[in-house]
Amino acid sequence: MTSRDLADLPWPALPPSPMVLVPLGSTEQHGPHLPLHTDTTIAMAVAEGAAAGLRVARPDRALLVAPAVAYGASGEHQGFSGTASIGHEALRSLLVELVRSLSLWAGRVVFVNGHGGNLPTVAAAISQLRYERHDAAWVPCAVEEMDAHAGHAETSLMLHLAPRLVRMGQAEAGNCTPLTDLMPRLVAEGVAGVSPCGVLGDPTTATAGEGRRILTRMIGDVVARVEHGQVDRHGCLLSSDPAASGLK
């Protein structure tokens, strides 16, 4: 094969029973300085980087990266123009039907999730699919030092991945309250209710070098989880540390 991107291939060129990584993002506001496809772009970069790393580790393994799912459950951002959310029910149906289709010719299907608002729905969909005996799982695009939304980490990642689309002159600090403390208001009022600019964190400290470092760590984490192969009760692939999980 000259390409490992699923959509680039004619059907006779597909290998038998490949693992398929599916980037899962969103189309939603990311403050006044980042594009609406930020989550999708990050999920795609992590999936593609992880696929490259996994092929080096096991060149005999058939592995493909599917086109990204660019719409998610983003109702908390609906107070801002540009947000395009399909909601939890539709997202769950989409993920379930997608895996049911892929499973007719693929091996394990792994969603690489780049949007925190998708988490409960991804977990619910994977639980249903595993009950149906599909080989499906998911992994987060996350590192320990990630701030909540459109802050230092995501802005750094986009400065590395798509610098021409980042408007650092418009970047401003938003609500920097820890997410656990902010969650009750966030659930009740949405992001607009707690941060008029749509940012949860401080993007003004972001750098492309930091974005490169964060992306490398995210990719390494996904590779480790896929290689370990075991899932937690939410269907999230675990790292070699049994305490690690993408859903708290």
Protein backbone atom coordinates (compact mmCIF):
# COMPACT_ATOMS: atom_id res chain seq x y z
CA MET A 1 0.00 0.00 0.00
CA THR A 2 1.22 3.49 -0.81
CA SER A 3 -1.23 5.07 1.65
CA ARG A 4 -2.47 4.12 5.11
CA ASP A 5 -5.36 6.59 5.12
CA LEU A 6 -8.57 4.63 4.70
CA ALA A 7 -10.31 7.17 2.46
CA ASP A 8 -7.39 7.26 0.01
CA LEU A 9 -7.66 3.57 -0.87
CA PRO A 10 -9.83 1.65 -3.34
CA TRP A 11 -11.59 -1.23 -1.60
CA PRO A 12 -9.49 -4.07 -3.14
CA ALA A 13 -6.34 -2.48 -1.67
CA LEU A 14 -7.53 -2.80 1.93
CA PRO A 15 -5.61 -5.34 4.03
CA PRO A 16 -7.57 -8.07 5.82
CA SER A 17 -8.95 -7.18 9.26
CA PRO A 18 -7.01 -3.95 9.84
CA MET A 19 -7.16 -2.00 13.07
CA VAL A 20 -8.93 1.29 12.32
CA LEU A 21 -8.27 4.48 14.26
CA VAL A 22 -11.14 6.98 13.99
CA PRO A 23 -10.35 10.59 15.03
CA LEU A 24 -13.32 12.09 16.88
CA GLY A 25 -13.51 15.84 17.36
CA SER A 26 -16.03 18.67 17.25
CA THR A 27 -16.94 21.88 15.47
CA GLU A 28 -17.23 24.45 18.22
CA GLN A 29 -15.95 27.78 19.45
CA HIS A 30 -12.41 27.89 20.83
CA GLY A 31 -12.22 31.48 21.96
CA PRO A 32 -11.52 34.47 19.74
CA HIS A 33 -8.16 33.09 18.59
CA LEU A 34 -8.55 29.43 17.56
CA PRO A 35 -10.47 27.83 14.66
CA LEU A 36 -13.68 25.89 15.14
CA HIS A 37 -12.02 22.63 14.07
CA THR A 38 -9.38 22.70 16.83
CA ASP A 39 -10.52 19.48 18.53
CA THR A 40 -10.78 17.65 15.22
CA THR A 41 -7.35 18.82 14.08
CA ILE A 42 -5.75 17.65 17.32
CA ALA A 43 -7.53 14.27 17.19
CA MET A 44 -6.39 13.76 13.60
CA ALA A 45 -2.78 14.63 14.44
CA VAL A 46 -2.77 12.26 17.41
CA ALA A 47 -4.34 9.43 15.40
CA GLU A 48 -1.93 9.87 12.50
CA GLY A 49 1.08 10.12 14.82
CA ALA A 50 -0.02 7.08 16.80
CA ALA A 51 -0.55 5.09 13.60
CA ALA A 52 2.98 5.93 12.47
CA GLY A 53 4.40 4.86 15.84
CA LEU A 54 2.43 1.63 15.91
CA ARG A 55 3.58 0.72 12.40
CA VAL A 56 7.21 1.14 13.48
CA ALA A 57 6.63 -1.04 16.54
CA ARG A 58 4.85 -3.75 14.55
CA PRO A 59 5.29 -3.30 10.79
CA ASP A 60 3.38 -6.53 10.15
CA ARG A 61 0.18 -5.11 11.68
CA ALA A 62 -2.46 -3.74 9.28
CA LEU A 63 -3.60 -0.34 10.54
CA LEU A 64 -5.63 2.42 8.91
CA VAL A 65 -6.71 5.92 9.92
CA ALA A 66 -10.32 6.69 8.99
CA PRO A 67 -11.69 10.14 8.09
CA ALA A 68 -12.40 12.20 11.19
CA VAL A 69 -15.82 12.58 12.75
CA ALA A 70 -15.92 16.38 12.88
CA TYR A 71 -19.19 16.89 14.76
CA GLY A 72 -19.73 16.01 18.40
CA ALA A 73 -21.73 16.82 21.50
CA SER A 74 -20.93 20.49 22.08
CA GLY A 75 -24.09 21.85 23.67
CA GLU A 76 -22.08 23.61 26.39
CA HIS A 77 -20.65 25.89 23.69
CA GLN A 78 -23.96 26.69 22.01
CA GLY A 79 -23.89 30.25 23.36
CA PHE A 80 -21.28 31.10 20.70
CA SER A 81 -21.74 31.46 16.95
CA GLY A 82 -20.12 28.77 14.83
CA THR A 83 -20.73 25.91 17.23
CA ALA A 84 -22.31 22.97 15.38
CA SER A 85 -23.37 20.24 17.81
CA ILE A 86 -25.26 17.05 16.97
CA GLY A 87 -25.99 16.25 20.62
CA HIS A 88 -25.45 13.11 22.68
CA GLU A 89 -28.22 10.95 21.24
CA ALA A 90 -27.24 11.52 17.61
CA LEU A 91 -23.53 11.12 18.40
CA ARG A 92 -24.15 7.82 20.16
CA SER A 93 -26.15 6.51 17.19
CA LEU A 94 -23.45 7.66 14.78
CA LEU A 95 -20.66 5.91 16.70
CA VAL A 96 -22.64 2.70 17.15
CA GLU A 97 -23.65 2.47 13.50
CA LEU A 98 -20.16 3.37 12.32
CA VAL A 99 -18.58 0.54 14.30
CA ARG A 100 -21.27 -1.92 13.24
CA SER A 101 -20.37 -1.09 9.64
CA LEU A 102 -16.59 -1.10 10.08
CA SER A 103 -16.71 -4.39 11.98
CA LEU A 104 -17.89 -6.22 8.87
CA TRP A 105 -14.37 -5.95 7.44
CA ALA A 106 -12.09 -4.42 10.09
CA GLY A 107 -10.49 -5.73 13.26
CA ARG A 108 -10.42 -3.53 16.36
CA VAL A 109 -11.90 -0.03 15.97
CA VAL A 110 -10.45 2.67 18.23
CA PHE A 111 -11.91 6.16 18.55
CA VAL A 112 -9.26 8.81 19.24
CA ASN A 113 -11.29 11.44 21.08
CA GLY A 114 -10.27 15.10 21.05
CA HIS A 115 -13.33 16.72 22.70
CA GLY A 116 -14.12 16.36 26.40
CA GLY A 117 -17.84 16.90 25.84
CA ASN A 118 -17.95 13.65 23.85
CA LEU A 119 -16.70 11.52 26.75
CA PRO A 120 -19.93 10.24 28.31
CA THR A 121 -21.40 9.43 24.91
CA VAL A 122 -18.26 7.69 23.67
CA ALA A 123 -18.20 5.57 26.82
CA ALA A 124 -21.89 4.70 26.46
CA ALA A 125 -21.54 3.82 22.77
CA ILE A 126 -18.47 1.65 23.34
CA SER A 127 -20.17 -0.14 26.25
CA GLN A 128 -23.11 -1.01 23.99
CA LEU A 129 -20.82 -2.11 21.16
CA ARG A 130 -18.73 -4.32 23.40
CA TYR A 131 -21.94 -5.87 24.76
CA GLU A 132 -22.77 -6.64 21.11
CA ARG A 133 -19.33 -8.30 20.94
CA HIS A 134 -17.71 -5.76 18.64
CA ASP A 135 -13.99 -5.20 19.18
CA ALA A 136 -14.23 -1.47 19.88
CA ALA A 137 -12.46 0.88 22.29
CA TRP A 138 -11.45 4.51 22.67
CA VAL A 139 -8.53 6.63 23.82
CA PRO A 140 -8.33 10.28 24.95
CA CYS A 141 -6.11 13.00 23.52
CA ALA A 142 -4.90 14.19 26.90
CA VAL A 143 -1.91 14.83 29.12
CA GLU A 144 -1.93 15.60 32.82
CA GLU A 145 -1.23 19.31 32.44
CA MET A 146 -4.07 20.00 29.96
CA ASP A 147 -6.16 23.03 30.89
CA ALA A 148 -9.87 22.98 30.19
CA HIS A 149 -10.59 24.73 26.88
CA ALA A 150 -8.77 26.94 24.35
CA GLY A 151 -6.09 27.79 26.90
CA HIS A 152 -2.36 27.14 27.07
CA ALA A 153 -2.37 23.51 25.89
CA GLU A 154 -4.77 23.67 22.95
CA THR A 155 -3.34 26.96 21.76
CA SER A 156 0.19 25.55 21.91
CA LEU A 157 -0.94 22.48 19.96
CA MET A 158 -2.51 24.62 17.24
CA LEU A 159 0.55 26.89 17.06
CA HIS A 160 2.46 23.71 16.23
CA LEU A 161 -0.13 22.10 13.93
CA ALA A 162 -1.75 25.07 12.14
CA PRO A 163 0.03 28.30 13.08
CA ARG A 164 -1.51 30.32 10.23
CA LEU A 165 -4.96 29.78 11.76
CA VAL A 166 -4.05 30.98 15.26
CA ARG A 167 -4.77 34.65 16.00
CA MET A 168 -2.50 35.24 18.96
CA GLY A 169 -3.26 38.95 18.81
CA GLN A 170 -6.84 38.08 19.83
CA ALA A 171 -5.88 35.59 22.55
CA GLU A 172 -6.98 36.49 26.06
CA ALA A 173 -7.14 34.70 29.38
CA GLY A 174 -10.56 33.37 30.27
CA ASN A 175 -11.87 31.75 33.42
CA CYS A 176 -8.92 29.98 35.04
CA THR A 177 -10.90 28.36 37.88
CA PRO A 178 -10.07 24.61 38.15
CA LEU A 179 -12.58 22.61 36.13
CA THR A 180 -13.72 20.54 39.10
CA ASP A 181 -14.69 23.73 40.94
CA LEU A 182 -16.24 25.29 37.85
CA MET A 183 -18.29 22.27 36.76
CA PRO A 184 -21.59 23.03 38.58
CA ARG A 185 -21.83 26.48 36.95
CA LEU A 186 -20.59 25.13 33.64
CA VAL A 187 -23.34 22.52 33.56
CA ALA A 188 -25.99 25.05 34.54
CA GLU A 189 -24.89 28.04 32.45
CA GLY A 190 -22.70 26.66 29.66
CA VAL A 191 -19.29 28.05 28.74
CA ALA A 192 -20.73 31.47 27.87
CA GLY A 193 -22.07 31.78 31.40
CA VAL A 194 -18.65 31.36 32.99
CA SER A 195 -16.39 32.87 30.32
CA PRO A 196 -17.70 35.55 27.92
CA CYS A 197 -14.70 35.04 25.62
CA GLY A 198 -15.18 31.25 25.52
CA VAL A 199 -11.77 30.43 27.02
CA LEU A 200 -11.19 28.31 30.12
CA GLY A 201 -7.51 28.87 30.86
CA ASP A 202 -4.80 31.24 29.64
CA PRO A 203 -3.68 30.96 26.01
CA THR A 204 -1.29 33.92 26.16
CA THR A 205 1.58 31.72 27.40
CA ALA A 206 1.29 29.23 24.52
CA THR A 207 4.21 28.36 22.22
CA ALA A 208 4.67 26.08 19.23
CA GLY A 209 7.50 24.29 21.02
CA GLU A 210 5.21 23.48 23.90
CA GLY A 211 2.62 22.25 21.41
CA ARG A 212 5.17 19.91 19.83
CA ARG A 213 6.03 18.52 23.27
CA ILE A 214 2.38 18.02 24.25
CA LEU A 215 1.57 16.32 20.94
CA THR A 216 4.51 13.94 21.32
CA ARG A 217 3.28 12.97 24.78
CA MET A 218 -0.29 12.48 23.55
CA ILE A 219 0.88 10.25 20.71
CA GLY A 220 3.10 8.23 23.04
CA ASP A 221 0.20 7.73 25.42
CA VAL A 222 -2.10 6.46 22.66
CA VAL A 223 0.59 4.11 21.33
CA ALA A 224 1.13 2.69 24.82
CA ARG A 225 -2.60 2.18 25.37
CA VAL A 226 -3.10 0.43 22.02
CA GLU A 227 -0.07 -1.78 22.60
CA HIS A 228 -1.28 -2.69 26.12
CA GLY A 229 -4.64 -3.60 24.62
CA GLN A 230 -6.73 -3.78 27.81
CA VAL A 231 -9.81 -1.62 28.46
CA ASP A 232 -11.36 -0.20 31.61
CA ARG A 233 -15.06 -0.34 32.49
CA HIS A 234 -15.75 2.59 30.16
CA GLY A 235 -14.14 0.88 27.14
CA CYS A 236 -11.12 3.19 27.35
CA LEU A 237 -7.82 1.55 26.48
CA LEU A 238 -5.55 1.55 29.52
CA SER A 239 -1.89 2.42 29.59
CA SER A 240 0.45 -0.03 31.31
CA ASP A 241 -0.50 1.73 34.55
CA PRO A 242 -3.80 0.05 35.63
CA ALA A 243 -4.86 3.25 37.41
CA ALA A 244 -4.75 5.31 34.20
CA SER A 245 -8.04 6.05 32.44
CA GLY A 246 -9.45 8.64 30.07
CA LEU A 247 -12.68 9.03 32.05
CA LYS A 248 -12.59 10.20 35.63
